[in-house]
Protein backbone atom coordinates (compact mmCIF):
# COMPACT_ATOMS: atom_id res chain seq x y z
CA UNK A 1 26.85 -35.79 -15.05
CA UNK A 2 24.01 -33.39 -16.51
CA UNK A 3 20.98 -32.33 -14.67
CA UNK A 4 17.91 -32.59 -16.73
CA UNK A 5 15.49 -30.33 -16.04
CA UNK A 6 11.38 -29.59 -15.60
CA UNK A 7 10.01 -26.43 -16.04
CA UNK A 8 10.13 -24.21 -12.51
CA UNK A 9 6.95 -22.33 -14.13
CA UNK A 10 3.91 -22.82 -16.62
CA UNK A 11 5.40 -23.39 -20.13
CA UNK A 12 3.17 -20.74 -21.07
CA UNK A 13 4.67 -17.80 -18.82
CA UNK A 14 6.58 -14.63 -20.24
CA UNK A 15 10.41 -14.77 -20.13
CA UNK A 16 11.01 -11.41 -18.72
CA UNK A 17 14.79 -11.52 -18.79
CA UNK A 18 17.45 -13.50 -20.26
CA UNK A 19 20.51 -15.03 -18.28
CA UNK A 20 23.52 -12.11 -19.17
CA UNK A 21 20.85 -9.61 -20.17
CA UNK A 22 21.74 -6.15 -19.53
CA UNK A 23 25.11 -5.91 -18.63
CA UNK A 24 25.40 -2.54 -18.21
CA UNK A 25 23.30 -3.58 -14.90
CA UNK A 26 25.48 -5.32 -13.37
CA UNK A 27 29.07 -5.52 -14.25
CA UNK A 28 31.79 -5.66 -12.46
CA UNK A 29 30.17 -8.49 -10.28
CA UNK A 30 28.22 -9.99 -13.39
CA UNK A 31 29.03 -10.11 -17.36
CA UNK A 32 25.16 -9.84 -16.99
CA UNK A 33 21.49 -10.94 -15.62
CA UNK A 34 22.52 -14.32 -13.07
CA UNK A 35 19.09 -15.46 -14.14
CA UNK A 36 16.42 -15.82 -15.83
CA UNK A 37 13.31 -14.51 -14.96
CA UNK A 38 9.24 -15.25 -15.95
CA UNK A 39 6.91 -13.13 -15.70
CA UNK A 40 4.02 -14.27 -13.95
CA UNK A 41 1.53 -13.30 -11.64
CA UNK A 42 1.42 -13.84 -7.56
CA UNK A 43 0.76 -16.95 -6.66
CA UNK A 44 1.46 -18.77 -9.00
CA UNK A 45 2.69 -22.21 -8.32
CA UNK A 46 6.75 -22.59 -8.47
CA UNK A 47 7.76 -26.32 -9.16
CA UNK A 48 11.42 -27.82 -8.01
CA UNK A 49 13.08 -28.48 -11.77
CA UNK A 50 15.05 -31.40 -10.70
CA UNK A 51 14.48 -33.86 -7.46
CA UNK A 52 16.60 -32.85 -4.72
CA UNK A 53 17.29 -31.79 -1.37
CA UNK A 54 15.46 -28.11 -0.16
CA UNK A 55 19.08 -26.80 2.14
CA UNK A 56 18.21 -22.84 2.35
CA UNK A 57 15.11 -21.33 2.80
CA UNK A 58 14.88 -17.22 3.28
CA UNK A 59 11.20 -16.21 4.62
CA UNK A 60 11.65 -12.72 5.51
CA UNK A 61 10.53 -10.36 2.31
CA UNK A 62 12.60 -7.20 3.12
CA UNK A 63 14.64 -6.36 0.71
CA UNK A 64 17.75 -4.85 3.32
CA UNK A 65 17.70 -8.89 4.71
CA UNK A 66 17.83 -10.49 1.32
CA UNK A 67 18.05 -8.87 -1.93
CA UNK A 68 16.69 -12.19 -3.26
CA UNK A 69 13.39 -11.52 -1.13
CA UNK A 70 11.70 -14.86 0.09
CA UNK A 71 13.76 -17.60 -1.66
CA UNK A 72 14.43 -21.37 -2.01
CA UNK A 73 18.15 -22.67 -2.50
CA UNK A 74 17.51 -26.70 -4.21
CA UNK A 75 20.47 -29.40 -4.24
CA UNK A 76 20.36 -31.67 -6.74
CA UNK A 77 22.71 -34.35 -7.44
CA UNK A 78 24.74 -34.62 -3.91
CA UNK A 79 25.19 -31.37 -4.81
CA UNK A 80 26.35 -31.21 -8.08
CA UNK A 81 23.76 -29.12 -8.71
CA UNK A 82 21.85 -26.10 -7.14
CA UNK A 83 18.69 -24.07 -7.86
CA UNK A 84 17.24 -21.06 -6.72
CA UNK A 85 13.86 -20.06 -7.01
CA UNK A 86 13.68 -15.89 -5.75
CA UNK A 87 11.28 -13.14 -5.18
CA UNK A 88 8.81 -15.64 -3.79
CA UNK A 89 5.46 -14.75 -1.83
CA UNK A 90 5.46 -17.89 0.06
CA UNK A 91 7.71 -21.39 0.32
CA UNK A 92 5.68 -24.45 0.75
CA UNK A 93 8.08 -27.08 1.62
CA UNK A 94 10.67 -26.79 4.60
CA UNK A 95 14.48 -27.17 5.30
CA UNK A 96 16.13 -30.58 4.38
CA UNK A 97 13.03 -31.45 2.52
CA UNK A 98 13.39 -33.54 0.42
CA UNK A 99 11.36 -33.03 -3.25
CA UNK A 100 11.14 -34.05 -6.68
CA UNK A 101 11.05 -33.17 -9.72
CA UNK A 102 7.62 -30.55 -10.81
CA UNK A 103 6.34 -30.88 -6.91
CA UNK A 104 5.04 -27.42 -5.88
CA UNK A 105 7.53 -25.81 -3.38
CA UNK A 106 6.25 -22.37 -3.49
CA UNK A 107 3.88 -19.57 -4.95
CA UNK A 108 5.86 -16.68 -6.84
CA UNK A 109 5.84 -12.93 -5.24
CA UNK A 110 7.42 -10.03 -5.59
CA UNK A 111 8.98 -9.74 -2.37
CA UNK A 112 12.76 -8.36 -1.57
CA UNK A 113 14.31 -6.29 -4.26
CA UNK A 114 11.84 -6.80 -7.04
CA UNK A 115 10.30 -3.95 -9.76
CA UNK A 116 7.38 -6.08 -10.34
CA UNK A 117 5.68 -9.76 -9.41
CA UNK A 118 7.88 -12.16 -11.37
CA UNK A 119 10.07 -15.59 -10.86
CA UNK A 120 14.09 -14.98 -10.56
CA UNK A 121 15.21 -18.82 -11.20
CA UNK A 122 19.38 -19.07 -11.41
CA UNK A 123 21.34 -22.75 -11.78
CA UNK A 124 24.75 -23.39 -10.45
CA UNK A 125 26.97 -25.98 -11.04
CA UNK A 126 29.50 -26.83 -8.72
CA UNK A 127 33.09 -25.87 -9.68
CA UNK A 128 32.02 -24.57 -13.03
CA UNK A 129 33.66 -20.75 -12.37
CA UNK A 130 37.04 -23.01 -10.90
CA UNK A 131 37.24 -25.03 -14.01
CA UNK A 132 36.44 -21.70 -16.16
CA UNK A 133 33.17 -23.12 -17.62
CA UNK A 134 31.21 -20.14 -17.01
CA UNK A 135 32.64 -16.51 -16.68
CA UNK A 136 30.13 -16.14 -13.94
CA UNK A 137 31.57 -16.24 -10.06
CA UNK A 138 29.69 -18.37 -7.44
CA UNK A 139 29.49 -21.43 -10.10
CA UNK A 140 26.18 -19.22 -11.85
CA UNK A 141 25.90 -21.03 -15.31
CA UNK A 142 23.81 -20.46 -17.81
CA UNK A 143 20.13 -22.23 -17.59
CA UNK A 144 18.82 -21.48 -21.36
CA UNK A 145 20.34 -24.97 -22.63
CA UNK A 146 19.05 -26.74 -20.00
CA UNK A 147 15.70 -24.88 -20.13
CA UNK A 148 15.62 -25.22 -24.13
CA UNK A 149 16.44 -29.13 -23.00
CA UNK A 150 13.35 -29.90 -20.85
CA UNK A 151 10.48 -31.91 -22.08
CA UNK A 152 6.99 -30.25 -23.32
CA UNK A 153 5.50 -32.37 -20.87
CA UNK A 154 4.73 -32.07 -16.93
CA UNK A 155 6.20 -34.96 -15.62
CA UNK A 156 4.89 -35.91 -12.36
CA UNK A 157 6.62 -36.91 -9.16
CA UNK A 158 6.33 -40.26 -8.02
CA UNK A 159 4.24 -40.37 -5.13
CA UNK A 160 5.33 -41.88 -1.53
CA UNK A 161 4.33 -45.28 -0.80
CA UNK A 162 3.51 -44.11 2.51
CA UNK A 163 1.02 -41.20 3.69
CA UNK A 164 1.86 -39.32 6.57
CA UNK A 165 -1.40 -37.49 7.89
CA UNK A 166 -5.09 -37.99 7.41
CA UNK A 167 -6.70 -34.73 6.75
CA UNK A 168 -10.61 -34.73 6.33
CA UNK A 169 -12.01 -32.77 3.58
CA UNK A 170 -14.37 -29.94 5.41
CA UNK A 171 -15.60 -28.16 2.27
CA UNK A 172 -20.05 -28.48 2.37
CA UNK A 173 -20.35 -28.43 -1.89
CA UNK A 174 -17.36 -31.34 -1.51
CA UNK A 175 -14.02 -30.09 -2.54
CA UNK A 176 -11.66 -30.88 -5.98
CA UNK A 177 -9.10 -33.55 -6.19
CA UNK A 178 -6.63 -32.10 -9.03
CA UNK A 179 -4.09 -32.95 -11.25
CA UNK A 180 -2.12 -30.01 -10.13
CA UNK A 181 -2.21 -27.00 -8.01
CA UNK A 182 -4.38 -24.41 -8.70
CA UNK A 183 -5.61 -24.72 -12.64
CA UNK A 184 -5.33 -28.79 -13.00
CA UNK A 185 -7.21 -31.22 -14.43
CA UNK A 186 -10.33 -32.48 -11.97
CA UNK A 187 -9.42 -36.12 -10.77
CA UNK A 188 -12.25 -36.55 -8.62
CA UNK A 189 -14.54 -34.99 -6.69
CA UNK A 190 -14.48 -35.57 -3.01
CA UNK A 191 -17.83 -35.04 -0.59
CA UNK A 192 -17.96 -33.55 2.92
CA UNK A 193 -16.53 -35.58 5.49
CA UNK A 194 -13.73 -38.16 2.70
CA UNK A 195 -10.60 -38.88 4.33
CA UNK A 196 -7.93 -38.39 2.48
CA UNK A 197 -3.93 -38.93 3.38
CA UNK A 198 -1.64 -36.48 3.11
CA UNK A 199 1.97 -37.53 1.12
CA UNK A 200 3.57 -34.65 2.25
CA UNK A 201 5.43 -33.97 5.66
CA UNK A 202 3.39 -34.40 8.19
CA UNK A 203 4.59 -31.04 9.89
CA UNK A 204 4.58 -28.89 6.54
CA UNK A 205 0.41 -30.09 6.17
CA UNK A 206 -0.13 -28.95 9.68
CA UNK A 207 0.92 -25.53 8.37
CA UNK A 208 -0.75 -25.49 5.35
CA UNK A 209 -4.35 -26.46 6.90
CA UNK A 210 -6.83 -23.64 6.85
CA UNK A 211 -4.30 -21.74 4.83
CA UNK A 212 -5.42 -19.52 1.98
CA UNK A 213 -3.14 -20.31 -1.25
CA UNK A 214 -1.95 -23.29 -0.01
CA UNK A 215 -1.96 -26.75 -2.10
CA UNK A 216 -2.10 -30.84 -0.25
CA UNK A 217 -0.60 -33.07 -2.47
CA UNK A 218 -3.14 -36.59 -1.12
CA UNK A 219 -3.91 -39.70 -2.29
CA UNK A 220 -7.77 -41.63 -1.47
CA UNK A 221 -8.50 -44.52 -0.17
CA UNK A 222 -8.44 -45.55 -3.10
CA UNK A 223 -5.16 -44.94 -4.31
CA UNK A 224 -6.45 -41.64 -6.76
CA UNK A 225 -3.02 -39.06 -6.26
CA UNK A 226 -3.91 -34.94 -6.65
CA UNK A 227 -4.05 -32.17 -5.00
CA UNK A 228 -6.75 -30.58 -3.09
CA UNK A 229 -7.14 -27.13 -1.50
CA UNK A 230 -5.41 -26.97 2.08
CA UNK A 231 -8.13 -24.10 3.27
CA UNK A 232 -10.65 -26.84 2.65
CA UNK A 233 -9.43 -29.85 4.96
CA UNK A 234 -8.34 -30.07 8.46
CA UNK A 235 -7.81 -33.49 10.98
CA UNK A 236 -10.68 -35.35 11.30
CA UNK A 237 -12.40 -34.47 14.12
CA UNK A 238 -10.78 -30.45 14.64
CA UNK A 239 -14.45 -28.41 15.42
CA UNK A 240 -15.74 -25.91 13.03
CA UNK A 241 -15.18 -22.63 13.76
CA UNK A 242 -17.57 -20.30 14.85
CA UNK A 243 -15.57 -17.51 14.92
CA UNK A 244 -17.54 -14.45 12.38
CA UNK A 245 -14.74 -13.67 9.30
CA UNK A 246 -12.30 -10.96 11.18
CA UNK A 247 -13.51 -8.33 7.95
CA UNK A 248 -10.45 -6.05 7.68
CA UNK A 249 -8.00 -8.51 10.29
CA UNK A 250 -5.12 -9.54 8.58
CA UNK A 251 -2.96 -12.52 9.00
CA UNK A 252 0.97 -12.29 9.79
CA UNK A 253 3.33 -15.27 9.72
CA UNK A 254 5.72 -15.87 12.27
CA UNK A 255 9.36 -15.43 11.35
CA UNK A 256 11.93 -16.88 13.69
CA UNK A 257 14.02 -19.53 12.20
CA UNK A 258 16.20 -20.44 15.16
CA UNK A 259 14.26 -20.40 18.16
CA UNK A 260 9.74 -20.90 18.38
CA UNK A 261 8.15 -17.21 19.02
CA UNK A 262 6.78 -17.09 22.35
CA UNK A 263 2.63 -16.83 22.49
CA UNK A 264 1.89 -14.76 25.85
CA UNK A 265 -0.90 -13.67 28.27
CA UNK A 266 -0.07 -10.34 28.05
CA UNK A 267 2.51 -7.60 25.56
CA UNK A 268 6.02 -8.27 26.92
CA UNK A 269 8.63 -10.77 28.92
CA UNK A 270 7.13 -10.98 31.88
CA UNK A 271 4.27 -12.58 30.99
CA UNK A 272 3.50 -15.68 31.18
CA UNK A 273 3.64 -17.95 28.40
CA UNK A 274 1.12 -19.92 26.75
CA UNK A 275 2.82 -21.76 23.47
CA UNK A 276 5.70 -21.71 21.36
CA UNK A 277 4.70 -21.02 17.84
CA UNK A 278 7.05 -22.52 15.13
CA UNK A 279 8.79 -20.12 12.04
CA UNK A 280 6.23 -19.36 9.39
CA UNK A 281 3.39 -20.20 12.09
CA UNK A 282 0.48 -18.20 10.27
CA UNK A 283 -1.58 -16.61 13.26
CA UNK A 284 -5.18 -13.99 13.07
CA UNK A 285 -4.25 -10.49 14.02
CA UNK A 286 -7.18 -9.12 16.36
CA UNK A 287 -6.40 -5.63 16.13
CA UNK A 288 -7.30 -3.26 13.03
CA UNK A 289 -5.28 -3.10 10.10
CA UNK A 290 -3.93 -0.21 10.65
CA UNK A 291 -2.56 -1.12 14.31
CA UNK A 292 -1.57 -4.18 12.79
CA UNK A 293 0.87 -2.56 9.35
CA UNK A 294 1.98 -0.16 11.82
CA UNK A 295 3.18 -2.71 14.54
CA UNK A 296 4.54 -5.61 12.16
CA UNK A 297 8.17 -5.37 12.07
CA UNK A 298 8.95 -3.17 14.79
CA UNK A 299 10.74 -3.64 17.46
CA UNK A 300 8.89 -3.06 21.58
CA UNK A 301 5.54 -3.62 19.88
CA UNK A 302 3.26 -6.39 21.02
CA UNK A 303 0.46 -8.19 18.83
CA UNK A 304 -2.86 -9.71 20.10
CA UNK A 305 -3.43 -12.74 17.95
CA UNK A 306 -5.44 -15.90 17.75
CA UNK A 307 -3.64 -19.56 16.60
CA UNK A 308 -5.45 -21.69 14.63
CA UNK A 309 -6.03 -23.69 17.95
CA UNK A 310 -8.30 -20.82 18.77
CA UNK A 311 -5.54 -19.50 22.01
CA UNK A 312 -5.50 -16.09 21.87
CA UNK A 313 -2.91 -14.29 23.66
CA UNK A 314 0.22 -11.50 22.84
CA UNK A 315 3.51 -11.97 20.42
CA UNK A 316 6.45 -10.07 19.97
CA UNK A 317 5.50 -7.66 16.77
CA UNK A 318 9.38 -7.34 15.00
CA UNK A 319 9.23 -11.46 14.85
CA UNK A 320 6.52 -11.58 12.73
CA UNK A 321 5.88 -10.31 8.95
CA UNK A 322 2.43 -9.56 7.11
CA UNK A 323 1.40 -13.67 5.08
CA UNK A 324 0.32 -14.06 1.70
CA UNK A 325 -3.39 -12.61 1.81
CA UNK A 326 -2.12 -9.68 3.45
CA UNK A 327 0.95 -9.54 1.27
CA UNK A 328 -0.80 -9.35 -1.91
CA UNK A 329 -3.35 -6.67 -0.54
CA UNK A 330 0.11 -4.15 -0.48
CA UNK A 331 1.49 -4.84 -3.64
CA UNK A 332 1.03 -2.60 -6.67
CA UNK A 333 -0.31 -4.94 -9.87
CA UNK A 334 0.22 -2.50 -12.50
CA UNK A 335 4.88 -2.36 -12.10
CA UNK A 336 6.56 -3.86 -15.08
CA UNK A 337 7.99 -8.09 -14.21
CA UNK A 338 11.20 -8.34 -13.77
CA UNK A 339 12.42 -5.51 -15.74
CA UNK A 340 14.78 -2.99 -14.00
CA UNK A 341 16.59 -4.78 -11.31
CA UNK A 342 19.86 -2.73 -11.85
CA UNK A 343 22.16 -4.51 -9.73
CA UNK A 344 23.01 -8.72 -9.48
CA UNK A 345 20.87 -9.59 -7.29
CA UNK A 346 22.89 -12.44 -5.33
CA UNK A 347 26.17 -10.23 -4.96
CA UNK A 348 24.35 -6.92 -5.03
CA UNK A 349 24.53 -4.94 -1.43
CA UNK A 350 22.32 -5.78 0.92
CA UNK A 351 21.95 -2.03 2.88
CA UNK A 352 23.92 -4.35 5.81
CA UNK A 353 26.37 -2.90 8.77
CA UNK A 354 28.98 -5.38 9.96
CA UNK A 355 27.45 -6.02 13.09
CA UNK A 356 30.13 -7.74 14.68
CA UNK A 357 32.32 -4.73 15.02
CA UNK A 358 30.09 -3.70 17.91
CA UNK A 359 31.65 -5.21 20.95
CA UNK A 360 29.68 -7.88 22.61
CA UNK A 361 27.61 -8.73 19.18
CA UNK A 362 29.13 -12.13 18.16
CA UNK A 363 27.83 -14.39 15.54
CA UNK A 364 24.94 -15.41 16.50
CA UNK A 365 23.72 -12.27 17.85
CA UNK A 366 24.28 -10.67 15.05
CA UNK A 367 21.89 -12.99 12.74
CA UNK A 368 19.41 -12.71 15.14
CA UNK A 369 19.57 -8.81 14.74
CA UNK A 370 19.52 -8.88 11.00
CA UNK A 371 16.82 -12.06 11.01
CA UNK A 372 14.16 -9.03 12.84
CA UNK A 373 15.57 -6.37 10.45
CA UNK A 374 18.21 -4.68 12.77
CA UNK A 375 21.02 -4.22 9.93
CA UNK A 376 22.44 -1.31 10.38
CA UNK A 377 24.49 1.01 13.37
CA UNK A 378 22.28 3.44 12.31
CA UNK A 379 18.82 1.36 13.41
CA UNK A 380 20.85 -0.14 16.78
CA UNK A 381 21.67 3.42 17.49
CA UNK A 382 18.43 4.42 17.46
CA UNK A 383 17.29 1.81 19.92
CA UNK A 384 17.55 2.31 23.72
CA UNK A 385 19.11 -0.18 26.02
CA UNK A 386 15.90 -1.80 27.05
CA UNK A 387 14.69 -2.37 23.44
CA UNK A 388 17.32 -4.27 22.60
CA UNK A 389 17.85 -6.11 25.85
CA UNK A 390 13.74 -7.01 24.70
CA UNK A 391 15.06 -8.05 21.24
CA UNK A 392 17.44 -10.76 22.23
CA UNK A 393 15.36 -12.27 25.23
CA UNK A 394 12.25 -13.12 22.74
CA UNK A 395 15.15 -14.70 20.14
CA UNK A 396 16.64 -16.85 23.40
CA UNK A 397 19.72 -15.03 23.52
CA UNK A 398 21.49 -12.74 26.32
CA UNK A 399 24.32 -10.34 25.37
CA UNK A 400 27.26 -8.25 27.33
CA UNK A 401 28.06 -4.67 26.90
CA UNK A 402 24.13 -4.09 25.79
CA UNK A 403 24.25 -0.86 27.31
CA UNK A 404 27.23 0.42 25.62
CA UNK A 405 25.74 -0.86 22.50
CA UNK A 406 23.88 2.61 20.99
CA UNK A 407 27.03 4.60 22.11
CA UNK A 408 28.99 2.41 19.68
CA UNK A 409 27.11 2.12 16.84
CA UNK A 410 27.00 6.12 17.42
CA UNK A 411 30.53 6.44 16.99
CA UNK A 412 30.62 3.64 13.98
CA UNK A 413 28.32 6.35 11.53
CA UNK A 414 24.81 5.29 13.17
CA UNK A 415 23.21 8.78 13.55
CA UNK A 416 20.06 8.47 16.05
CA UNK A 417 17.06 10.09 16.19
CA UNK A 418 16.29 10.92 12.01
């Protein structure tokens, strides 16, 4: 059974690194580059290459956690094929969601071990390595024949029969309904107050509402289907915001895939819980940009934030990462596009230690620590037992022998304090 694919990027995107290119950078792990790279600007819509199911999403841009940065894996044909979309800035789908060929699943970026804004795309075929259909490990196959056979046109996915959530146009001058996100042809203009139905999952829809650079797939009451800018729609009856623009304030995103992050009345685990914030929730920082950049991802720090519903409180900063609009301000657009990655992206070491060698750290705790960026013995050695207990407490876990973890880490080669 073959895989007929849809181009995951605009057809005019520049191919910056071919499959099997630059073998000197990848051997002996791979014969050469294990996918293809396209040079595209940050925020370019990325489409599913074929009908399938999203089965894994990594939303942590830290290269020490994931060399691919933010990336998505999609299974096709009951697992016979898999496609990978890497170095993203934002993901617009959720795990276990069914997607159609051509559906926007993410926005391109420059996260992970990337030397410039681009999309890395890999195709795997189940059993290909064992059957010697490829000389690559992990069933990686050459994507060029699939891309060459792709239709020149842009097939549109079949919209679901039912909508999931009504949303209303909030833009005073009306809102364009487009055939595709960002640059698609205008289907019609929707006056302010028009109610349309979302064709995406309800929880995905709610996460997108009001968010810059997000696009929502919708159907009008007259049956017209297209995409609208999600930052100009909201649920019907929602009060319009009266807050002035935040100026230099940043937006941050919850990075806690295993358990919701707690919004607390004040900083500290002893403060009352106001609300549970699911993974990928976008929050507005109520502190200066300098303070935000200093705190995000830092163990033991707390950040004063506001939710989309206007609720204010404090969250553990080590369960946060910068959202797309903040991230794009920190990236250098002058660097080269995708060329120069010197190691195979899927197999290259991620600069992490085997944390489970420390007595008291099992698989769940190791996964939690890694998810918040504590990946090495050196990092554990630099923390106090109290800080480690706080990290675990906010992740909903407890641990044994925590008081000995820093000393164990030092004995295993992690030097503290430098």
